[in-house]
């Protein structure tokens, strides 16, 4: 059984289910405040796939990798388009970065003023991706 990740510096630990999801290559999302009315914004964490992930997928399972690389993206969308096929019209990539490992991920989230316990599975949010 995996335990929550406690990075140096006393940052909030990852909920076990969310940390395991990231280690297994699953994307997580949180909605964040916007700077203009009529907009909605989300930050997503996407674990980058590896050749080992592809091999596991072909064999019908998902591997849990502790040393993953993650892409973080903060997108701002037109609130009226978010539920449709054209959600990307007028979307703005506010910031993005790629980090190596869970410690760097947690440190970057702290810099972005986000906490691990804010993140949800995509289907639990209105994130259009």
N, C-alpha and C. Protein backbone atom coordinates (compact mmCIF):
# COMPACT_ATOMS: atom_id res chain seq x y z
N UNK A 1 0.84 -1.18 0.00
CA UNK A 1 0.00 0.00 0.00
C UNK A 1 0.88 1.24 0.00
N UNK A 2 0.50 2.22 -0.79
CA UNK A 2 1.27 3.45 -0.89
C UNK A 2 0.83 4.43 0.20
N UNK A 3 1.77 5.20 0.67
CA UNK A 3 1.45 6.22 1.65
C UNK A 3 1.51 7.58 0.99
N UNK A 4 0.80 8.58 1.54
CA UNK A 4 0.85 9.92 0.95
C UNK A 4 2.27 10.44 0.90
N UNK A 5 2.54 11.22 -0.11
CA UNK A 5 3.87 11.77 -0.33
C UNK A 5 4.02 13.02 0.54
N UNK A 6 5.07 13.07 1.34
CA UNK A 6 5.36 14.21 2.20
C UNK A 6 6.66 14.83 1.76
N UNK A 7 6.60 15.84 0.89
CA UNK A 7 7.84 16.46 0.44
C UNK A 7 8.50 17.26 1.56
N UNK A 8 9.76 17.55 1.35
CA UNK A 8 10.50 18.37 2.30
C UNK A 8 9.82 19.73 2.42
N UNK A 9 9.88 20.33 3.57
CA UNK A 9 9.32 21.66 3.74
C UNK A 9 7.93 21.67 4.34
N UNK A 10 7.33 20.51 4.57
CA UNK A 10 6.06 20.46 5.25
C UNK A 10 4.85 20.82 4.41
N UNK A 11 4.94 20.75 3.09
CA UNK A 11 3.78 21.03 2.25
C UNK A 11 2.72 19.97 2.50
N UNK A 12 1.47 20.28 2.10
CA UNK A 12 0.37 19.33 2.29
C UNK A 12 0.66 18.04 1.53
N UNK A 13 0.35 16.92 2.15
CA UNK A 13 0.57 15.64 1.47
C UNK A 13 -0.48 15.38 0.39
N UNK A 14 -0.14 14.52 -0.53
CA UNK A 14 -1.09 14.09 -1.57
C UNK A 14 -2.07 13.09 -0.98
N UNK A 15 -3.36 13.23 -1.28
CA UNK A 15 -4.29 12.16 -0.93
C UNK A 15 -3.82 10.88 -1.65
N UNK A 16 -3.87 9.77 -0.98
CA UNK A 16 -3.32 8.53 -1.52
C UNK A 16 -3.92 8.16 -2.87
N UNK A 17 -5.25 8.29 -3.03
CA UNK A 17 -5.87 7.91 -4.30
C UNK A 17 -5.40 8.79 -5.45
N UNK A 18 -5.20 10.07 -5.19
CA UNK A 18 -4.77 10.99 -6.25
C UNK A 18 -3.30 10.75 -6.62
N UNK A 19 -2.47 10.49 -5.62
CA UNK A 19 -1.07 10.20 -5.89
C UNK A 19 -0.95 8.92 -6.70
N UNK A 20 -1.72 7.90 -6.35
CA UNK A 20 -1.69 6.65 -7.10
C UNK A 20 -2.19 6.86 -8.53
N UNK A 21 -3.20 7.72 -8.70
CA UNK A 21 -3.70 8.02 -10.06
C UNK A 21 -2.59 8.64 -10.90
N UNK A 22 -1.88 9.61 -10.34
CA UNK A 22 -0.78 10.24 -11.08
C UNK A 22 0.30 9.23 -11.42
N UNK A 23 0.65 8.39 -10.46
CA UNK A 23 1.69 7.38 -10.70
C UNK A 23 1.27 6.40 -11.78
N UNK A 24 -0.01 6.20 -11.96
CA UNK A 24 -0.52 5.29 -12.99
C UNK A 24 -0.86 6.01 -14.29
N UNK A 25 -0.45 7.28 -14.39
CA UNK A 25 -0.61 8.01 -15.65
C UNK A 25 -1.93 8.68 -15.85
N UNK A 26 -2.71 8.87 -14.80
CA UNK A 26 -4.02 9.51 -14.90
C UNK A 26 -3.92 11.00 -14.66
N UNK A 27 -4.66 11.75 -15.44
CA UNK A 27 -4.69 13.21 -15.37
C UNK A 27 -5.58 13.66 -14.20
N UNK A 28 -5.19 14.78 -13.54
CA UNK A 28 -5.99 15.40 -12.49
C UNK A 28 -6.20 16.87 -12.83
N UNK A 29 -7.29 17.45 -12.30
CA UNK A 29 -7.68 18.82 -12.66
C UNK A 29 -8.22 19.55 -11.44
N UNK A 30 -8.03 20.86 -11.42
CA UNK A 30 -8.71 21.71 -10.45
C UNK A 30 -9.14 23.01 -11.13
N UNK A 31 -10.28 23.52 -10.71
CA UNK A 31 -10.72 24.83 -11.20
C UNK A 31 -10.08 25.90 -10.33
N UNK A 32 -9.65 26.98 -10.96
CA UNK A 32 -8.97 28.06 -10.25
C UNK A 32 -9.67 29.38 -10.54
N UNK A 33 -9.46 30.37 -9.69
CA UNK A 33 -10.09 31.68 -9.90
C UNK A 33 -9.65 32.32 -11.22
N UNK A 34 -10.54 33.13 -11.78
CA UNK A 34 -10.26 33.85 -13.02
C UNK A 34 -10.08 35.33 -12.72
N UNK A 35 -9.52 36.05 -13.68
CA UNK A 35 -9.29 37.48 -13.49
C UNK A 35 -10.35 38.34 -14.19
N UNK A 36 -11.19 37.71 -15.03
CA UNK A 36 -12.24 38.45 -15.74
C UNK A 36 -13.56 37.70 -15.64
N UNK A 37 -14.66 38.43 -15.64
CA UNK A 37 -15.96 37.77 -15.64
C UNK A 37 -16.19 37.11 -16.99
N UNK A 38 -17.02 36.10 -16.99
CA UNK A 38 -17.33 35.38 -18.23
C UNK A 38 -16.29 34.35 -18.62
N UNK A 39 -15.38 34.07 -17.71
CA UNK A 39 -14.31 33.10 -17.98
C UNK A 39 -14.33 32.01 -16.91
N UNK A 40 -13.74 30.87 -17.23
CA UNK A 40 -13.49 29.81 -16.25
C UNK A 40 -12.09 29.30 -16.52
N UNK A 41 -11.40 28.91 -15.45
CA UNK A 41 -10.01 28.50 -15.59
C UNK A 41 -9.76 27.20 -14.84
N UNK A 42 -8.85 26.41 -15.41
CA UNK A 42 -8.50 25.11 -14.84
C UNK A 42 -7.00 24.90 -14.93
N UNK A 43 -6.47 24.19 -13.94
CA UNK A 43 -5.08 23.72 -13.98
C UNK A 43 -5.16 22.21 -14.03
N UNK A 44 -4.42 21.63 -14.98
CA UNK A 44 -4.39 20.17 -15.04
C UNK A 44 -2.96 19.67 -14.90
N UNK A 45 -2.86 18.47 -14.33
CA UNK A 45 -1.59 17.77 -14.21
C UNK A 45 -1.71 16.53 -15.08
N UNK A 46 -0.85 16.44 -16.08
CA UNK A 46 -0.86 15.29 -16.98
C UNK A 46 0.46 14.55 -16.86
N UNK A 47 0.43 13.30 -16.37
CA UNK A 47 1.66 12.50 -16.35
C UNK A 47 2.05 12.15 -17.79
N UNK A 48 3.30 12.32 -18.12
CA UNK A 48 3.75 12.01 -19.47
C UNK A 48 3.93 10.50 -19.63
N UNK A 49 3.49 10.00 -20.77
CA UNK A 49 3.60 8.56 -21.05
C UNK A 49 5.03 8.18 -21.39
N UNK A 50 5.36 6.95 -21.04
CA UNK A 50 6.68 6.40 -21.32
C UNK A 50 6.50 5.14 -22.18
N UNK A 51 7.58 4.65 -22.77
CA UNK A 51 7.48 3.37 -23.48
C UNK A 51 6.98 2.23 -22.58
N UNK A 52 7.34 2.27 -21.30
CA UNK A 52 6.86 1.24 -20.37
C UNK A 52 5.35 1.33 -20.19
N UNK A 53 4.79 2.54 -20.23
CA UNK A 53 3.34 2.71 -20.16
C UNK A 53 2.67 2.08 -21.37
N UNK A 54 3.25 2.33 -22.53
CA UNK A 54 2.69 1.77 -23.77
C UNK A 54 2.72 0.25 -23.74
N UNK A 55 3.80 -0.31 -23.26
CA UNK A 55 3.91 -1.76 -23.16
C UNK A 55 2.88 -2.32 -22.18
N UNK A 56 2.73 -1.68 -21.04
CA UNK A 56 1.74 -2.13 -20.05
C UNK A 56 0.33 -2.05 -20.63
N UNK A 57 0.02 -0.97 -21.35
CA UNK A 57 -1.30 -0.79 -21.97
C UNK A 57 -1.58 -1.92 -22.96
N UNK A 58 -0.57 -2.27 -23.77
CA UNK A 58 -0.73 -3.38 -24.73
C UNK A 58 -1.01 -4.70 -24.01
N UNK A 59 -0.46 -4.83 -22.80
CA UNK A 59 -0.65 -6.06 -22.02
C UNK A 59 -1.90 -6.00 -21.14
N UNK A 60 -2.62 -4.88 -21.18
CA UNK A 60 -3.88 -4.77 -20.47
C UNK A 60 -3.81 -4.30 -19.02
N UNK A 61 -2.76 -3.58 -18.66
CA UNK A 61 -2.65 -3.08 -17.29
C UNK A 61 -2.00 -1.71 -17.30
N UNK A 62 -1.89 -1.07 -16.16
CA UNK A 62 -1.23 0.24 -16.01
C UNK A 62 -0.12 0.09 -14.98
N UNK A 63 1.03 0.60 -15.34
CA UNK A 63 2.14 0.54 -14.39
C UNK A 63 2.12 1.75 -13.46
N UNK A 64 2.60 1.57 -12.26
CA UNK A 64 2.74 2.67 -11.31
C UNK A 64 4.20 3.09 -11.30
N UNK A 65 4.46 4.29 -11.77
CA UNK A 65 5.83 4.80 -11.84
C UNK A 65 6.00 5.96 -10.87
N UNK A 66 6.95 5.84 -9.96
CA UNK A 66 7.19 6.87 -8.95
C UNK A 66 8.01 8.03 -9.50
N UNK A 67 8.79 7.82 -10.54
CA UNK A 67 9.66 8.87 -11.05
C UNK A 67 9.13 9.54 -12.31
N UNK A 68 7.84 9.72 -12.40
CA UNK A 68 7.23 10.28 -13.60
C UNK A 68 7.59 11.75 -13.83
N UNK A 69 7.42 12.15 -15.07
CA UNK A 69 7.50 13.55 -15.46
C UNK A 69 6.06 14.01 -15.69
N UNK A 70 5.75 15.25 -15.27
CA UNK A 70 4.40 15.78 -15.35
C UNK A 70 4.37 17.09 -16.11
N UNK A 71 3.29 17.29 -16.86
CA UNK A 71 3.04 18.57 -17.52
C UNK A 71 1.91 19.26 -16.76
N UNK A 72 2.14 20.50 -16.35
CA UNK A 72 1.11 21.32 -15.71
C UNK A 72 0.71 22.41 -16.68
N UNK A 73 -0.60 22.60 -16.83
CA UNK A 73 -1.11 23.65 -17.71
C UNK A 73 -2.26 24.38 -17.02
N UNK A 74 -2.22 25.70 -17.13
CA UNK A 74 -3.28 26.56 -16.61
C UNK A 74 -3.97 27.19 -17.81
N UNK A 75 -5.22 26.77 -18.05
CA UNK A 75 -6.01 27.26 -19.19
C UNK A 75 -7.15 28.13 -18.70
N UNK A 76 -7.44 29.20 -19.46
CA UNK A 76 -8.54 30.11 -19.20
C UNK A 76 -9.49 30.02 -20.41
N UNK A 77 -10.78 29.74 -20.16
CA UNK A 77 -11.75 29.52 -21.23
C UNK A 77 -12.90 30.51 -21.17
N UNK A 78 -13.53 30.74 -22.32
CA UNK A 78 -14.78 31.49 -22.40
C UNK A 78 -15.85 30.62 -21.75
N UNK A 79 -16.48 31.10 -20.69
CA UNK A 79 -17.44 30.30 -19.92
C UNK A 79 -18.63 29.84 -20.76
N UNK A 80 -19.01 30.63 -21.77
CA UNK A 80 -20.16 30.25 -22.60
C UNK A 80 -19.84 29.10 -23.55
N UNK A 81 -18.57 28.87 -23.85
CA UNK A 81 -18.18 27.82 -24.80
C UNK A 81 -17.72 26.53 -24.11
N UNK A 82 -17.58 26.56 -22.82
CA UNK A 82 -16.93 25.46 -22.11
C UNK A 82 -17.64 24.12 -22.27
N UNK A 83 -18.95 24.13 -22.43
CA UNK A 83 -19.69 22.87 -22.52
C UNK A 83 -19.83 22.36 -23.96
N UNK A 84 -19.33 23.10 -24.94
CA UNK A 84 -19.52 22.70 -26.33
C UNK A 84 -18.27 22.15 -26.97
N UNK A 85 -18.41 21.84 -28.25
CA UNK A 85 -17.29 21.31 -29.01
C UNK A 85 -16.21 22.36 -29.27
N UNK A 86 -16.62 23.62 -29.26
CA UNK A 86 -15.69 24.71 -29.58
C UNK A 86 -15.12 25.37 -28.33
N UNK A 87 -14.93 24.61 -27.27
CA UNK A 87 -14.43 25.16 -26.01
C UNK A 87 -13.08 25.83 -26.17
N UNK A 88 -12.32 25.45 -27.20
CA UNK A 88 -10.97 25.99 -27.37
C UNK A 88 -10.95 27.36 -28.06
N UNK A 89 -12.08 27.78 -28.64
CA UNK A 89 -12.13 29.11 -29.26
C UNK A 89 -12.05 30.15 -28.14
N UNK A 90 -11.08 31.02 -28.21
CA UNK A 90 -10.88 32.04 -27.19
C UNK A 90 -10.16 31.54 -25.94
N UNK A 91 -9.77 30.28 -25.93
CA UNK A 91 -9.03 29.75 -24.77
C UNK A 91 -7.63 30.36 -24.74
N UNK A 92 -7.14 30.57 -23.54
CA UNK A 92 -5.82 31.17 -23.36
C UNK A 92 -5.00 30.27 -22.44
N UNK A 93 -3.81 29.89 -22.91
CA UNK A 93 -2.88 29.16 -22.05
C UNK A 93 -2.18 30.20 -21.19
N UNK A 94 -2.50 30.22 -19.90
CA UNK A 94 -1.96 31.22 -18.98
C UNK A 94 -0.51 30.90 -18.64
N UNK A 95 -0.25 29.64 -18.31
CA UNK A 95 1.12 29.21 -18.05
C UNK A 95 1.18 27.70 -18.14
N UNK A 96 2.38 27.21 -18.38
CA UNK A 96 2.60 25.77 -18.48
C UNK A 96 4.04 25.48 -18.11
N UNK A 97 4.26 24.28 -17.58
CA UNK A 97 5.61 23.85 -17.26
C UNK A 97 5.63 22.33 -17.23
N UNK A 98 6.81 21.79 -17.33
CA UNK A 98 7.02 20.35 -17.20
C UNK A 98 7.97 20.15 -16.03
N UNK A 99 7.62 19.21 -15.15
CA UNK A 99 8.43 18.95 -13.96
C UNK A 99 8.77 17.47 -13.89
N UNK A 100 9.90 17.19 -13.27
CA UNK A 100 10.37 15.81 -13.12
C UNK A 100 10.21 15.36 -11.68
N UNK A 101 9.34 14.41 -11.45
CA UNK A 101 9.20 13.81 -10.13
C UNK A 101 8.17 14.47 -9.25
N UNK A 102 7.79 13.74 -8.22
CA UNK A 102 6.74 14.17 -7.31
C UNK A 102 7.15 15.35 -6.44
N UNK A 103 8.41 15.41 -6.03
CA UNK A 103 8.86 16.55 -5.21
C UNK A 103 8.78 17.85 -6.01
N UNK A 104 9.24 17.81 -7.26
CA UNK A 104 9.20 19.02 -8.09
C UNK A 104 7.76 19.39 -8.42
N UNK A 105 6.91 18.40 -8.62
CA UNK A 105 5.48 18.67 -8.86
C UNK A 105 4.88 19.41 -7.67
N UNK A 106 5.10 18.90 -6.48
CA UNK A 106 4.54 19.52 -5.27
C UNK A 106 5.10 20.92 -5.07
N UNK A 107 6.39 21.10 -5.30
CA UNK A 107 7.01 22.42 -5.15
C UNK A 107 6.43 23.42 -6.17
N UNK A 108 6.20 22.96 -7.39
CA UNK A 108 5.63 23.84 -8.42
C UNK A 108 4.20 24.21 -8.07
N UNK A 109 3.43 23.26 -7.59
CA UNK A 109 2.06 23.58 -7.17
C UNK A 109 2.06 24.61 -6.06
N UNK A 110 3.00 24.48 -5.14
CA UNK A 110 3.11 25.46 -4.05
C UNK A 110 3.42 26.85 -4.62
N UNK A 111 4.30 26.91 -5.59
CA UNK A 111 4.63 28.18 -6.25
C UNK A 111 3.40 28.77 -6.94
N UNK A 112 2.58 27.91 -7.51
CA UNK A 112 1.35 28.34 -8.19
C UNK A 112 0.21 28.56 -7.19
N UNK A 113 0.49 28.43 -5.91
CA UNK A 113 -0.47 28.59 -4.82
C UNK A 113 -1.63 27.60 -4.92
N UNK A 114 -1.28 26.36 -5.24
CA UNK A 114 -2.24 25.27 -5.31
C UNK A 114 -1.79 24.17 -4.36
N UNK A 115 -2.75 23.33 -3.96
CA UNK A 115 -2.46 22.25 -3.02
C UNK A 115 -2.93 20.92 -3.60
N UNK A 116 -2.24 19.85 -3.30
CA UNK A 116 -2.62 18.54 -3.83
C UNK A 116 -4.08 18.16 -3.58
N UNK A 117 -4.61 18.53 -2.43
CA UNK A 117 -5.99 18.13 -2.12
C UNK A 117 -7.05 18.89 -2.91
N UNK A 118 -6.66 19.87 -3.71
CA UNK A 118 -7.60 20.59 -4.57
C UNK A 118 -7.91 19.81 -5.85
N UNK A 119 -7.06 18.89 -6.22
CA UNK A 119 -7.18 18.22 -7.51
C UNK A 119 -8.18 17.08 -7.48
N UNK A 120 -8.92 16.98 -8.59
CA UNK A 120 -9.97 15.99 -8.75
C UNK A 120 -9.73 15.20 -10.03
N UNK A 121 -10.47 14.12 -10.18
CA UNK A 121 -10.46 13.41 -11.46
C UNK A 121 -11.19 14.27 -12.48
N UNK A 122 -10.80 14.25 -13.74
CA UNK A 122 -11.42 15.13 -14.75
C UNK A 122 -12.95 15.04 -14.79
N UNK A 123 -13.50 13.84 -14.63
CA UNK A 123 -14.94 13.66 -14.72
C UNK A 123 -15.67 14.28 -13.53
N UNK A 124 -14.95 14.69 -12.51
CA UNK A 124 -15.57 15.36 -11.36
C UNK A 124 -15.54 16.88 -11.52
N UNK A 125 -15.07 17.37 -12.65
CA UNK A 125 -14.96 18.81 -12.90
C UNK A 125 -15.68 19.16 -14.20
N UNK A 126 -15.73 20.45 -14.50
CA UNK A 126 -16.26 20.92 -15.77
C UNK A 126 -15.17 21.19 -16.78
N UNK A 127 -13.95 20.74 -16.49
CA UNK A 127 -12.84 20.93 -17.43
C UNK A 127 -13.24 20.35 -18.79
N UNK A 128 -13.11 21.15 -19.85
CA UNK A 128 -13.59 20.69 -21.16
C UNK A 128 -12.70 19.69 -21.88
N UNK A 129 -11.48 19.48 -21.42
CA UNK A 129 -10.58 18.57 -22.15
C UNK A 129 -10.86 17.13 -21.87
